[in-house]
Amino acid sequence: MKRSLKETLIRIVILFIGLTIAHLGVTLFLLANLGADPFNVFVQGIFKTLKGAVNWSFITHGNTHVVICFLIIIALLFIDRSYIKIGTVLCMIFGGPIIDFFTAILTAPFENVNSLAVKIIVNGLGCVILAFGMTIVMKSDAGTGPNDLVSIVLADKLKKNFGVIRIIVDVSFVVIGFILGGSFGIGTLICAFLVGPVANIFLPFNEKWIKNLLHKLI
């Protein structure tokens, strides 16, 4: 069923709310400095492998990240193009600037934090906030980040629990990335095993309020 312009815009606004919340979580995760998130361990591994093979100056971690995301989108176009929406592209464009915005605000309070216990708490809090925002993005049904789409598509196609599939995908990213030279820490493992189950908790709640909101506004 084709959506009206009004409904599309409302869904995009909801997506941006979720995207902002999710990247606040990512920022906390990064400031805890206990290891990259699973997808970026994978990206880091690919990046190091490419740099080891060809020493081209234009190959950077950021460029590698963008290329991998585009390759995921292309692969999904062949599997089921209905999953690729405008929000997928928006997540790629605006995710970085949102992280930069929160980093500028939150770096000072965290720069002198040396306690491992505090860092683990911040890391875990970041994962919970990430899961909450991510599920808002998912239930906006306007698109989601390319790496998140891998879990969504697999869960749908295999008819399996999203939280379980998310753990499998994240652990796979970590293992492949580590084999290729990516580095990770305890924060990576927390993220790999926490985000999926927590997302499962938030999914019904976010689906309900978004559905009610769309019913009232459209």
N, C-alpha and C. Protein backbone atom coordinates (compact mmCIF):
# COMPACT_ATOMS: atom_id res chain seq x y z
N MET A 1 0.84 -1.20 0.00
CA MET A 1 0.00 0.00 0.00
C MET A 1 0.88 1.25 0.00
N LYS A 2 0.64 2.15 -0.96
CA LYS A 2 1.46 3.34 -1.10
C LYS A 2 1.15 4.34 0.02
N ARG A 3 2.20 4.90 0.60
CA ARG A 3 2.02 5.84 1.69
C ARG A 3 1.89 7.26 1.17
N SER A 4 1.12 8.06 1.92
CA SER A 4 1.00 9.48 1.57
C SER A 4 2.26 10.20 1.96
N LEU A 5 2.45 11.39 1.43
CA LEU A 5 3.62 12.21 1.78
C LEU A 5 3.62 12.52 3.27
N LYS A 6 2.45 12.80 3.82
CA LYS A 6 2.34 13.12 5.24
C LYS A 6 2.80 11.95 6.11
N GLU A 7 2.34 10.75 5.79
CA GLU A 7 2.74 9.58 6.57
C GLU A 7 4.24 9.33 6.46
N THR A 8 4.77 9.48 5.25
CA THR A 8 6.21 9.27 5.03
C THR A 8 7.03 10.24 5.88
N LEU A 9 6.61 11.51 5.89
CA LEU A 9 7.34 12.53 6.67
C LEU A 9 7.27 12.24 8.17
N ILE A 10 6.10 11.82 8.64
CA ILE A 10 5.94 11.50 10.06
C ILE A 10 6.84 10.33 10.44
N ARG A 11 6.89 9.32 9.59
CA ARG A 11 7.74 8.16 9.85
C ARG A 11 9.21 8.55 9.87
N ILE A 12 9.60 9.47 8.99
CA ILE A 12 10.99 9.93 8.95
C ILE A 12 11.34 10.71 10.22
N VAL A 13 10.39 11.53 10.71
CA VAL A 13 10.61 12.26 11.98
C VAL A 13 10.81 11.27 13.12
N ILE A 14 9.97 10.23 13.18
CA ILE A 14 10.11 9.20 14.21
C ILE A 14 11.46 8.51 14.09
N LEU A 15 11.85 8.23 12.85
CA LEU A 15 13.16 7.61 12.60
C LEU A 15 14.28 8.49 13.16
N PHE A 16 14.21 9.80 12.92
CA PHE A 16 15.26 10.69 13.40
C PHE A 16 15.30 10.76 14.92
N ILE A 17 14.14 10.67 15.55
CA ILE A 17 14.12 10.62 17.02
C ILE A 17 14.87 9.38 17.50
N GLY A 18 14.54 8.24 16.90
CA GLY A 18 15.22 7.00 17.26
C GLY A 18 16.70 7.04 16.93
N LEU A 19 17.04 7.62 15.78
CA LEU A 19 18.43 7.71 15.35
C LEU A 19 19.25 8.54 16.33
N THR A 20 18.66 9.64 16.79
CA THR A 20 19.35 10.51 17.75
C THR A 20 19.58 9.79 19.07
N ILE A 21 18.54 9.10 19.56
CA ILE A 21 18.68 8.36 20.82
C ILE A 21 19.72 7.25 20.67
N ALA A 22 19.65 6.51 19.56
CA ALA A 22 20.58 5.40 19.33
C ALA A 22 22.02 5.88 19.31
N HIS A 23 22.26 7.03 18.67
CA HIS A 23 23.64 7.52 18.57
C HIS A 23 24.12 8.22 19.84
N LEU A 24 23.19 8.60 20.71
CA LEU A 24 23.59 9.00 22.06
C LEU A 24 24.17 7.78 22.76
N GLY A 25 23.51 6.64 22.59
CA GLY A 25 24.02 5.39 23.16
C GLY A 25 25.37 5.02 22.60
N VAL A 26 25.53 5.16 21.28
CA VAL A 26 26.81 4.86 20.64
C VAL A 26 27.91 5.77 21.18
N THR A 27 27.57 7.05 21.40
CA THR A 27 28.55 8.01 21.93
C THR A 27 29.01 7.60 23.32
N LEU A 28 28.07 7.21 24.19
CA LEU A 28 28.44 6.75 25.53
C LEU A 28 29.31 5.50 25.44
N PHE A 29 28.95 4.63 24.53
CA PHE A 29 29.71 3.41 24.30
C PHE A 29 31.16 3.74 23.94
N LEU A 30 31.33 4.71 23.03
CA LEU A 30 32.65 5.11 22.57
C LEU A 30 33.44 5.81 23.68
N LEU A 31 32.75 6.66 24.46
CA LEU A 31 33.43 7.39 25.54
C LEU A 31 33.89 6.46 26.66
N ALA A 32 33.21 5.33 26.82
CA ALA A 32 33.65 4.35 27.82
C ALA A 32 35.00 3.75 27.45
N ASN A 33 35.31 3.76 26.15
CA ASN A 33 36.63 3.34 25.65
C ASN A 33 36.99 1.92 26.09
N LEU A 34 36.04 1.01 25.95
CA LEU A 34 36.29 -0.40 26.32
C LEU A 34 36.24 -1.31 25.10
N GLY A 35 36.38 -0.73 23.92
CA GLY A 35 36.36 -1.53 22.70
C GLY A 35 35.29 -1.05 21.75
N ALA A 36 35.52 -1.25 20.46
CA ALA A 36 34.56 -0.82 19.44
C ALA A 36 33.33 -1.72 19.45
N ASP A 37 32.23 -1.22 18.89
CA ASP A 37 31.04 -2.04 18.75
C ASP A 37 31.33 -3.15 17.73
N PRO A 38 30.58 -4.26 17.76
CA PRO A 38 30.89 -5.41 16.89
C PRO A 38 31.03 -5.08 15.41
N PHE A 39 30.16 -4.24 14.87
CA PHE A 39 30.24 -3.93 13.44
C PHE A 39 31.54 -3.20 13.12
N ASN A 40 31.96 -2.30 14.01
CA ASN A 40 33.19 -1.55 13.74
C ASN A 40 34.44 -2.39 13.97
N VAL A 41 34.36 -3.45 14.77
CA VAL A 41 35.47 -4.40 14.84
C VAL A 41 35.63 -5.07 13.47
N PHE A 42 34.49 -5.40 12.86
CA PHE A 42 34.47 -6.00 11.52
C PHE A 42 35.05 -5.02 10.49
N VAL A 43 34.59 -3.77 10.55
CA VAL A 43 35.09 -2.74 9.62
C VAL A 43 36.59 -2.54 9.81
N GLN A 44 37.01 -2.49 11.07
CA GLN A 44 38.43 -2.29 11.37
C GLN A 44 39.28 -3.43 10.79
N GLY A 45 38.76 -4.66 10.91
CA GLY A 45 39.48 -5.81 10.36
C GLY A 45 39.61 -5.74 8.85
N ILE A 46 38.52 -5.37 8.17
CA ILE A 46 38.55 -5.21 6.71
C ILE A 46 39.53 -4.10 6.33
N PHE A 47 39.46 -2.98 7.06
CA PHE A 47 40.34 -1.83 6.79
C PHE A 47 41.82 -2.22 6.92
N LYS A 48 42.17 -2.91 8.00
CA LYS A 48 43.57 -3.31 8.21
C LYS A 48 44.03 -4.30 7.14
N THR A 49 43.12 -5.18 6.72
CA THR A 49 43.46 -6.14 5.68
C THR A 49 43.73 -5.43 4.36
N LEU A 50 42.87 -4.44 4.02
CA LEU A 50 43.06 -3.69 2.78
C LEU A 50 44.36 -2.88 2.82
N LYS A 51 44.63 -2.23 3.95
CA LYS A 51 45.85 -1.42 4.07
C LYS A 51 47.10 -2.29 3.98
N GLY A 52 46.97 -3.54 4.47
CA GLY A 52 48.11 -4.44 4.38
C GLY A 52 48.35 -4.94 2.97
N ALA A 53 47.27 -4.97 2.18
CA ALA A 53 47.39 -5.47 0.81
C ALA A 53 47.80 -4.37 -0.17
N VAL A 54 47.17 -3.20 -0.03
CA VAL A 54 47.48 -2.07 -0.93
C VAL A 54 47.58 -0.80 -0.10
N ASN A 55 48.66 -0.10 -0.19
CA ASN A 55 48.88 1.10 0.62
C ASN A 55 48.38 2.35 -0.12
N TRP A 56 47.07 2.39 -0.35
CA TRP A 56 46.46 3.54 -1.02
C TRP A 56 45.97 4.53 0.04
N SER A 57 46.32 5.78 -0.13
CA SER A 57 46.02 6.80 0.88
C SER A 57 44.53 7.04 1.07
N PHE A 58 43.73 6.80 0.02
CA PHE A 58 42.29 7.09 0.13
C PHE A 58 41.54 6.01 0.91
N ILE A 59 42.23 4.90 1.24
CA ILE A 59 41.58 3.86 2.04
C ILE A 59 41.69 4.24 3.52
N THR A 60 40.58 4.66 4.09
CA THR A 60 40.53 5.03 5.51
C THR A 60 39.46 4.18 6.21
N HIS A 61 39.46 4.23 7.53
CA HIS A 61 38.44 3.48 8.28
C HIS A 61 37.03 3.97 7.89
N GLY A 62 36.88 5.31 7.79
CA GLY A 62 35.58 5.88 7.45
C GLY A 62 35.12 5.46 6.06
N ASN A 63 36.03 5.53 5.08
CA ASN A 63 35.68 5.12 3.72
C ASN A 63 35.32 3.64 3.66
N THR A 64 36.07 2.83 4.41
CA THR A 64 35.79 1.39 4.45
C THR A 64 34.40 1.13 5.02
N HIS A 65 34.05 1.88 6.07
CA HIS A 65 32.74 1.76 6.70
C HIS A 65 31.63 2.05 5.69
N VAL A 66 31.77 3.15 4.95
CA VAL A 66 30.75 3.55 3.98
C VAL A 66 30.62 2.50 2.88
N VAL A 67 31.76 2.01 2.37
CA VAL A 67 31.74 1.02 1.28
C VAL A 67 31.06 -0.27 1.74
N ILE A 68 31.38 -0.73 2.96
CA ILE A 68 30.76 -1.95 3.48
C ILE A 68 29.25 -1.77 3.61
N CYS A 69 28.83 -0.60 4.10
CA CYS A 69 27.39 -0.32 4.22
C CYS A 69 26.71 -0.35 2.85
N PHE A 70 27.35 0.25 1.84
CA PHE A 70 26.78 0.24 0.50
C PHE A 70 26.72 -1.18 -0.06
N LEU A 71 27.74 -1.99 0.22
CA LEU A 71 27.74 -3.38 -0.25
C LEU A 71 26.61 -4.18 0.40
N ILE A 72 26.35 -3.89 1.68
CA ILE A 72 25.24 -4.54 2.37
C ILE A 72 23.92 -4.16 1.71
N ILE A 73 23.77 -2.86 1.39
CA ILE A 73 22.55 -2.40 0.72
C ILE A 73 22.39 -3.08 -0.63
N ILE A 74 23.47 -3.16 -1.40
CA ILE A 74 23.40 -3.80 -2.72
C ILE A 74 23.01 -5.27 -2.58
N ALA A 75 23.61 -5.97 -1.59
CA ALA A 75 23.28 -7.37 -1.38
C ALA A 75 21.81 -7.55 -1.02
N LEU A 76 21.30 -6.65 -0.18
CA LEU A 76 19.90 -6.74 0.24
C LEU A 76 18.94 -6.40 -0.90
N LEU A 77 19.39 -5.59 -1.84
CA LEU A 77 18.55 -5.30 -3.01
C LEU A 77 18.26 -6.57 -3.80
N PHE A 78 19.22 -7.47 -3.81
CA PHE A 78 19.04 -8.74 -4.52
C PHE A 78 18.20 -9.73 -3.70
N ILE A 79 18.29 -9.61 -2.36
CA ILE A 79 17.53 -10.53 -1.50
C ILE A 79 16.07 -10.10 -1.39
N ASP A 80 15.86 -8.84 -1.02
CA ASP A 80 14.49 -8.31 -0.90
C ASP A 80 14.58 -6.79 -0.83
N ARG A 81 14.31 -6.15 -1.94
CA ARG A 81 14.49 -4.69 -2.00
C ARG A 81 13.51 -3.91 -1.14
N SER A 82 12.45 -4.57 -0.66
CA SER A 82 11.47 -3.88 0.18
C SER A 82 12.07 -3.40 1.50
N TYR A 83 13.19 -3.98 1.90
CA TYR A 83 13.83 -3.59 3.15
C TYR A 83 14.61 -2.28 3.02
N ILE A 84 14.97 -1.91 1.79
CA ILE A 84 15.76 -0.71 1.56
C ILE A 84 14.84 0.49 1.38
N LYS A 85 14.90 1.43 2.32
CA LYS A 85 14.03 2.60 2.28
C LYS A 85 14.86 3.86 2.45
N ILE A 86 14.21 5.00 2.33
CA ILE A 86 14.94 6.27 2.40
C ILE A 86 15.66 6.43 3.74
N GLY A 87 15.08 5.88 4.80
CA GLY A 87 15.71 5.98 6.11
C GLY A 87 17.05 5.28 6.19
N THR A 88 17.25 4.25 5.37
CA THR A 88 18.53 3.54 5.35
C THR A 88 19.65 4.49 4.93
N VAL A 89 19.37 5.28 3.89
CA VAL A 89 20.35 6.26 3.40
C VAL A 89 20.53 7.37 4.43
N LEU A 90 19.43 7.82 5.04
CA LEU A 90 19.50 8.89 6.04
C LEU A 90 20.33 8.47 7.24
N CYS A 91 20.21 7.21 7.65
CA CYS A 91 21.01 6.70 8.77
C CYS A 91 22.49 6.78 8.44
N MET A 92 22.85 6.47 7.20
CA MET A 92 24.25 6.51 6.78
C MET A 92 24.77 7.94 6.77
N ILE A 93 23.93 8.89 6.34
CA ILE A 93 24.36 10.28 6.19
C ILE A 93 24.47 10.99 7.54
N PHE A 94 23.48 10.77 8.42
CA PHE A 94 23.38 11.59 9.63
C PHE A 94 23.92 10.93 10.90
N GLY A 95 24.22 9.63 10.84
CA GLY A 95 24.73 8.95 12.04
C GLY A 95 26.00 9.57 12.58
N GLY A 96 26.97 9.80 11.70
CA GLY A 96 28.25 10.38 12.10
C GLY A 96 28.12 11.76 12.72
N PRO A 97 27.44 12.70 12.06
CA PRO A 97 27.27 14.04 12.65
C PRO A 97 26.58 14.04 14.01
N ILE A 98 25.63 13.12 14.21
CA ILE A 98 24.95 13.06 15.51
C ILE A 98 25.94 12.62 16.59
N ILE A 99 26.78 11.64 16.26
CA ILE A 99 27.80 11.20 17.22
C ILE A 99 28.77 12.35 17.52
N ASP A 100 29.17 13.09 16.50
CA ASP A 100 30.07 14.24 16.70
C ASP A 100 29.44 15.27 17.62
N PHE A 101 28.12 15.51 17.46
CA PHE A 101 27.41 16.48 18.29
C PHE A 101 27.43 16.06 19.76
N PHE A 102 27.09 14.80 20.04
CA PHE A 102 27.06 14.33 21.42
C PHE A 102 28.47 14.22 22.00
N THR A 103 29.45 13.88 21.17
CA THR A 103 30.83 13.76 21.63
C THR A 103 31.35 15.10 22.13
N ALA A 104 31.02 16.17 21.39
CA ALA A 104 31.46 17.51 21.79
C ALA A 104 30.89 17.91 23.14
N ILE A 105 29.67 17.45 23.43
CA ILE A 105 29.01 17.80 24.69
C ILE A 105 29.50 16.93 25.85
N LEU A 106 29.72 15.64 25.59
CA LEU A 106 29.94 14.67 26.67
C LEU A 106 31.40 14.30 26.93
N THR A 107 32.30 14.72 26.06
CA THR A 107 33.70 14.33 26.24
C THR A 107 34.27 14.84 27.56
N ALA A 108 34.05 16.11 27.88
CA ALA A 108 34.62 16.70 29.10
C ALA A 108 34.25 15.94 30.37
N PRO A 109 32.97 15.59 30.58
CA PRO A 109 32.62 14.87 31.82
C PRO A 109 33.27 13.50 31.94
N PHE A 110 33.68 12.90 30.82
CA PHE A 110 34.19 11.54 30.86
C PHE A 110 35.71 11.44 30.72
N GLU A 111 36.38 12.54 30.38
CA GLU A 111 37.80 12.44 30.05
C GLU A 111 38.68 12.08 31.24
N ASN A 112 38.20 12.32 32.45
CA ASN A 112 39.00 11.99 33.64
C ASN A 112 38.49 10.75 34.37
N VAL A 113 37.58 10.02 33.74
CA VAL A 113 37.04 8.80 34.35
C VAL A 113 38.00 7.65 34.09
N ASN A 114 38.59 7.10 35.15
CA ASN A 114 39.55 6.00 35.02
C ASN A 114 39.06 4.70 35.65
N SER A 115 37.96 4.78 36.38
CA SER A 115 37.43 3.59 37.06
C SER A 115 36.84 2.61 36.05
N LEU A 116 37.31 1.37 36.08
CA LEU A 116 36.79 0.35 35.17
C LEU A 116 35.31 0.09 35.42
N ALA A 117 34.92 0.10 36.70
CA ALA A 117 33.52 -0.16 37.05
C ALA A 117 32.61 0.90 36.43
N VAL A 118 33.02 2.17 36.53
CA VAL A 118 32.24 3.27 35.95
C VAL A 118 32.18 3.13 34.43
N LYS A 119 33.31 2.78 33.83
CA LYS A 119 33.34 2.62 32.38
C LYS A 119 32.41 1.50 31.92
N ILE A 120 32.37 0.40 32.67
CA ILE A 120 31.49 -0.72 32.33
C ILE A 120 30.03 -0.29 32.44
N ILE A 121 29.71 0.49 33.49
CA ILE A 121 28.34 0.99 33.67
C ILE A 121 27.96 1.90 32.51
N VAL A 122 28.86 2.82 32.13
CA VAL A 122 28.61 3.74 31.01
C VAL A 122 28.44 2.95 29.72
N ASN A 123 29.30 1.95 29.53
CA ASN A 123 29.23 1.10 28.34
C ASN A 123 27.88 0.39 28.27
N GLY A 124 27.47 -0.20 29.41
CA GLY A 124 26.19 -0.91 29.45
C GLY A 124 25.02 0.02 29.23
N LEU A 125 25.08 1.22 29.84
CA LEU A 125 24.03 2.22 29.65
C LEU A 125 23.94 2.62 28.18
N GLY A 126 25.11 2.80 27.56
CA GLY A 126 25.14 3.14 26.14
C GLY A 126 24.48 2.07 25.30
N CYS A 127 24.71 0.80 25.64
CA CYS A 127 24.10 -0.31 24.90
C CYS A 127 22.59 -0.31 25.04
N VAL A 128 22.10 -0.03 26.26
CA VAL A 128 20.65 0.00 26.50
C VAL A 128 20.00 1.14 25.72
N ILE A 129 20.63 2.33 25.77
CA ILE A 129 20.10 3.48 25.03
C ILE A 129 20.15 3.21 23.52
N LEU A 130 21.23 2.59 23.07
CA LEU A 130 21.35 2.21 21.66
C LEU A 130 20.22 1.28 21.25
N ALA A 131 19.95 0.27 22.08
CA ALA A 131 18.88 -0.69 21.77
C ALA A 131 17.52 0.00 21.73
N PHE A 132 17.28 0.93 22.66
CA PHE A 132 16.00 1.65 22.69
C PHE A 132 15.83 2.48 21.43
N GLY A 133 16.85 3.27 21.09
CA GLY A 133 16.76 4.10 19.89
C GLY A 133 16.67 3.28 18.62
N MET A 134 17.42 2.19 18.57
CA MET A 134 17.43 1.32 17.39
C MET A 134 16.05 0.73 17.13
N THR A 135 15.34 0.35 18.20
CA THR A 135 14.02 -0.24 18.01
C THR A 135 12.99 0.81 17.58
N ILE A 136 13.19 2.08 17.97
CA ILE A 136 12.32 3.15 17.46
C ILE A 136 12.54 3.30 15.96
N VAL A 137 13.81 3.29 15.55
CA VAL A 137 14.14 3.37 14.12
C VAL A 137 13.50 2.21 13.37
N MET A 138 13.62 1.01 13.92
CA MET A 138 13.05 -0.18 13.28
C MET A 138 11.54 -0.06 13.12
N LYS A 139 10.86 0.37 14.18
CA LYS A 139 9.40 0.42 14.16
C LYS A 139 8.86 1.66 13.46
N SER A 140 9.74 2.62 13.14
CA SER A 140 9.28 3.74 12.31
C SER A 140 8.95 3.25 10.91
N ASP A 141 9.53 2.12 10.55
CA ASP A 141 9.33 1.50 9.23
C ASP A 141 9.64 2.47 8.10
N ALA A 142 10.68 3.30 8.33
CA ALA A 142 11.13 4.23 7.29
C ALA A 142 12.54 3.87 6.83
N GLY A 143 13.05 2.74 7.36
CA GLY A 143 14.41 2.31 7.04
C GLY A 143 15.25 2.25 8.30
N THR A 144 16.40 1.62 8.21
CA THR A 144 17.30 1.54 9.36
C THR A 144 18.73 1.42 8.84
N GLY A 145 19.70 1.46 9.75
CA GLY A 145 21.10 1.36 9.34
C GLY A 145 21.39 0.06 8.61
N PRO A 146 22.26 0.09 7.61
CA PRO A 146 22.56 -1.11 6.81
C PRO A 146 23.01 -2.30 7.65
N ASN A 147 23.87 -2.05 8.67
CA ASN A 147 24.33 -3.16 9.49
C ASN A 147 23.21 -3.74 10.35
N ASP A 148 22.29 -2.89 10.82
CA ASP A 148 21.14 -3.39 11.58
C ASP A 148 20.21 -4.21 10.69
N LEU A 149 20.15 -3.84 9.42
CA LEU A 149 19.28 -4.54 8.48
C LEU A 149 19.65 -6.01 8.33
N VAL A 150 20.93 -6.32 8.49
CA VAL A 150 21.37 -7.72 8.38
C VAL A 150 20.60 -8.57 9.39
N SER A 151 20.52 -8.09 10.64
CA SER A 151 19.80 -8.83 11.69
C SER A 151 18.31 -8.87 11.41
N ILE A 152 17.75 -7.74 10.96
CA ILE A 152 16.31 -7.67 10.69
C ILE A 152 15.92 -8.64 9.59
N VAL A 153 16.66 -8.62 8.49
CA VAL A 153 16.34 -9.48 7.35
C VAL A 153 16.48 -10.95 7.73
N LEU A 154 17.55 -11.30 8.41
CA LEU A 154 17.76 -12.70 8.81
C LEU A 154 16.65 -13.17 9.76
N ALA A 155 16.29 -12.31 10.72
CA ALA A 155 15.23 -12.67 11.66
C ALA A 155 13.91 -12.89 10.93
N ASP A 156 13.61 -12.03 9.97
CA ASP A 156 12.36 -12.16 9.21
C ASP A 156 12.36 -13.39 8.32
N LYS A 157 13.44 -13.56 7.56
CA LYS A 157 13.50 -14.66 6.60
C LYS A 157 13.56 -16.03 7.28
N LEU A 158 14.28 -16.09 8.40
CA LEU A 158 14.42 -17.36 9.12
C LEU A 158 13.30 -17.57 10.14
N LYS A 159 12.48 -16.50 10.32
CA LYS A 159 11.37 -16.52 11.29
C LYS A 159 11.89 -16.89 12.69
N LYS A 160 12.97 -16.22 13.08
CA LYS A 160 13.58 -16.44 14.39
C LYS A 160 13.51 -15.17 15.22
N ASN A 161 13.73 -15.33 16.53
CA ASN A 161 13.71 -14.21 17.46
C ASN A 161 14.79 -13.20 17.11
N PHE A 162 14.42 -11.91 17.04
CA PHE A 162 15.37 -10.87 16.65
C PHE A 162 16.56 -10.81 17.60
N GLY A 163 16.30 -10.89 18.91
CA GLY A 163 17.37 -10.78 19.89
C GLY A 163 18.43 -11.85 19.70
N VAL A 164 17.99 -13.09 19.44
CA VAL A 164 18.91 -14.21 19.24
C VAL A 164 19.73 -13.99 17.97
N ILE A 165 19.05 -13.60 16.88
CA ILE A 165 19.73 -13.36 15.60
C ILE A 165 20.74 -12.23 15.75
N ARG A 166 20.36 -11.19 16.50
CA ARG A 166 21.26 -10.05 16.70
C ARG A 166 22.55 -10.49 17.40
N ILE A 167 22.44 -11.35 18.40
CA ILE A 167 23.62 -11.86 19.09
C ILE A 167 24.51 -12.62 18.10
N ILE A 168 23.89 -13.49 17.30
CA ILE A 168 24.65 -14.30 16.34
C ILE A 168 25.37 -13.40 15.34
N VAL A 169 24.67 -12.38 14.83
CA VAL A 169 25.26 -11.47 13.85
C VAL A 169 26.40 -10.68 14.48
N ASP A 170 26.18 -10.14 15.69
CA ASP A 170 27.22 -9.34 16.35
C ASP A 170 28.45 -10.18 16.66
N VAL A 171 28.25 -11.39 17.17
CA VAL A 171 29.38 -12.27 17.48
C VAL A 171 30.13 -12.62 16.20
N SER A 172 29.39 -12.84 15.10
CA SER A 172 30.02 -13.13 13.81
C SER A 172 30.88 -11.97 13.35
N PHE A 173 30.36 -10.74 13.50
CA PHE A 173 31.14 -9.55 13.15
C PHE A 173 32.44 -9.49 13.96
N VAL A 174 32.34 -9.78 15.26
CA VAL A 174 33.51 -9.71 16.13
C VAL A 174 34.54 -10.77 15.73
N VAL A 175 34.09 -12.00 15.52
CA VAL A 175 35.01 -13.10 15.20
C VAL A 175 35.72 -12.84 13.87
N ILE A 176 34.95 -12.48 12.83
CA ILE A 176 35.54 -12.21 11.52
C ILE A 176 36.48 -11.02 11.59
N GLY A 177 36.03 -9.94 12.25
CA GLY A 177 36.85 -8.75 12.38
C GLY A 177 38.14 -9.02 13.11
N PHE A 178 38.07 -9.80 14.21
CA PHE A 178 39.27 -10.12 14.99
C PHE A 178 40.25 -10.95 14.17
N ILE A 179 39.74 -11.93 13.41
CA ILE A 179 40.60 -12.77 12.56
C ILE A 179 41.33 -11.91 11.53
N LEU A 180 40.64 -10.87 11.03
CA LEU A 180 41.22 -10.00 10.00
C LEU A 180 42.10 -8.89 10.59
N GLY A 181 42.18 -8.82 11.91
CA GLY A 181 43.06 -7.83 12.52
C GLY A 181 42.38 -6.76 13.32
N GLY A 182 41.06 -6.83 13.45
CA GLY A 182 40.33 -5.85 14.26
C GLY A 182 40.56 -6.09 15.74
N SER A 183 40.45 -5.06 16.54
CA SER A 183 40.66 -5.18 17.98
C SER A 183 39.35 -4.95 18.73
N PHE A 184 39.23 -5.59 19.88
CA PHE A 184 38.01 -5.39 20.67
C PHE A 184 38.36 -5.52 22.14
N GLY A 185 37.40 -5.10 22.97
CA GLY A 185 37.61 -5.17 24.41
C GLY A 185 36.37 -5.70 25.09
N ILE A 186 36.32 -5.58 26.40
CA ILE A 186 35.17 -6.10 27.15
C ILE A 186 33.88 -5.39 26.74
N GLY A 187 34.00 -4.11 26.33
CA GLY A 187 32.83 -3.36 25.89
C GLY A 187 32.20 -3.95 24.64
N THR A 188 33.04 -4.50 23.76
CA THR A 188 32.55 -5.14 22.54
C THR A 188 31.69 -6.35 22.90
N LEU A 189 32.17 -7.15 23.85
CA LEU A 189 31.44 -8.34 24.26
C LEU A 189 30.13 -7.98 24.96
N ILE A 190 30.17 -6.91 25.78
CA ILE A 190 28.94 -6.45 26.43
C ILE A 190 27.92 -6.07 25.38
N CYS A 191 28.37 -5.34 24.36
CA CYS A 191 27.48 -4.90 23.29
C CYS A 191 26.93 -6.10 22.52
N ALA A 192 27.79 -7.05 22.20
CA ALA A 192 27.40 -8.20 21.39
C ALA A 192 26.30 -9.03 22.06
N PHE A 193 26.37 -9.15 23.39
CA PHE A 193 25.42 -10.01 24.09
C PHE A 193 24.29 -9.25 24.79
N LEU A 194 24.35 -7.90 24.78
CA LEU A 194 23.33 -7.12 25.50
C LEU A 194 22.32 -6.46 24.58
N VAL A 195 22.77 -5.91 23.45
CA VAL A 195 21.88 -5.12 22.59
C VAL A 195 20.69 -5.93 22.08
N GLY A 196 20.94 -7.14 21.58
CA GLY A 196 19.85 -7.96 21.04
C GLY A 196 18.75 -8.25 22.05
N PRO A 197 19.08 -8.84 23.22
CA PRO A 197 18.04 -9.12 24.22
C PRO A 197 17.32 -7.88 24.72
N VAL A 198 18.05 -6.77 24.91
CA VAL A 198 17.40 -5.54 25.37
C VAL A 198 16.47 -4.99 24.28
N ALA A 199 16.89 -5.09 23.03
CA ALA A 199 16.03 -4.66 21.92
C ALA A 199 14.73 -5.45 21.91
N ASN A 200 14.81 -6.74 22.23
CA ASN A 200 13.60 -7.57 22.30
C ASN A 200 12.60 -7.03 23.32
N ILE A 201 13.13 -6.48 24.41
CA ILE A 201 12.27 -5.93 25.46
C ILE A 201 11.57 -4.66 24.98
N PHE A 202 12.32 -3.81 24.27
CA PHE A 202 11.79 -2.52 23.83
C PHE A 202 10.89 -2.60 22.60
N LEU A 203 11.06 -3.62 21.77
CA LEU A 203 10.34 -3.69 20.49
C LEU A 203 8.81 -3.60 20.65
N PRO A 204 8.19 -4.38 21.54
CA PRO A 204 6.72 -4.29 21.66
C PRO A 204 6.25 -2.92 22.13
N PHE A 205 6.99 -2.32 23.08
CA PHE A 205 6.63 -1.00 23.61
C PHE A 205 6.69 0.06 22.52
N ASN A 206 7.80 0.09 21.78
CA ASN A 206 7.96 1.10 20.74
C ASN A 206 7.00 0.87 19.57
N GLU A 207 6.72 -0.38 19.28
CA GLU A 207 5.75 -0.67 18.22
C GLU A 207 4.36 -0.14 18.59
N LYS A 208 3.99 -0.27 19.85
CA LYS A 208 2.66 0.15 20.30
C LYS A 208 2.48 1.66 20.23
N TRP A 209 3.45 2.43 20.79
CA TRP A 209 3.25 3.89 20.83
C TRP A 209 3.40 4.51 19.44
N ILE A 210 4.26 3.93 18.61
CA ILE A 210 4.42 4.45 17.25
C ILE A 210 3.15 4.19 16.44
N LYS A 211 2.57 3.00 16.60
CA LYS A 211 1.34 2.68 15.90
C LYS A 211 0.20 3.60 16.32
N ASN A 212 0.11 3.84 17.63
CA ASN A 212 -0.93 4.74 18.15
C ASN A 212 -0.73 6.17 17.65
N LEU A 213 0.54 6.62 17.64
CA LEU A 213 0.84 7.96 17.18
C LEU A 213 0.48 8.13 15.71
N LEU A 214 0.85 7.16 14.89
CA LEU A 214 0.54 7.23 13.46
C LEU A 214 -0.97 7.21 13.23
N HIS A 215 -1.69 6.42 14.05
CA HIS A 215 -3.15 6.36 13.91
C HIS A 215 -3.79 7.72 14.20
N LYS A 216 -3.23 8.46 15.17
CA LYS A 216 -3.79 9.75 15.54
C LYS A 216 -3.44 10.85 14.52
N LEU A 217 -2.22 10.78 13.98
CA LEU A 217 -1.72 11.86 13.12
C LEU A 217 -2.11 11.70 11.66
N ILE A 218 -2.35 10.47 11.24
CA ILE A 218 -2.63 10.26 9.81
C ILE A 218 -4.14 10.17 9.58
